[in-house]
Amino acid sequence: MGIRVGKRTRDRLAAAVAVTVAAATGATVVSGQAAAKPIAAPADFNGDGYRDVVVPAPMAKVGGKDGAGVA
């Protein structure tokens, strides 16, 4: 049995632990632009050579979970 804390406290604790671990291991944050792998055709997300269409579906059911498209 553990100590019960709220989500906000748990999130803050997780952030503090992450910062401590990063500082202790010498991890650094690199600023600048990220480089992405070039794609064969514009908007070819799955690499099959054809353009793909992306449609938002906020009420979608994915893997048995309702509302999987909601941020």
Foldseek 3Di string as FASTA:
>chain_A
DDDDDDPVVVVVVVVVVVVVVCVVVVPDDDDDDDDDDDAQDVCPPPRPNDHDDDDQDQQDQDPNRGRPRND
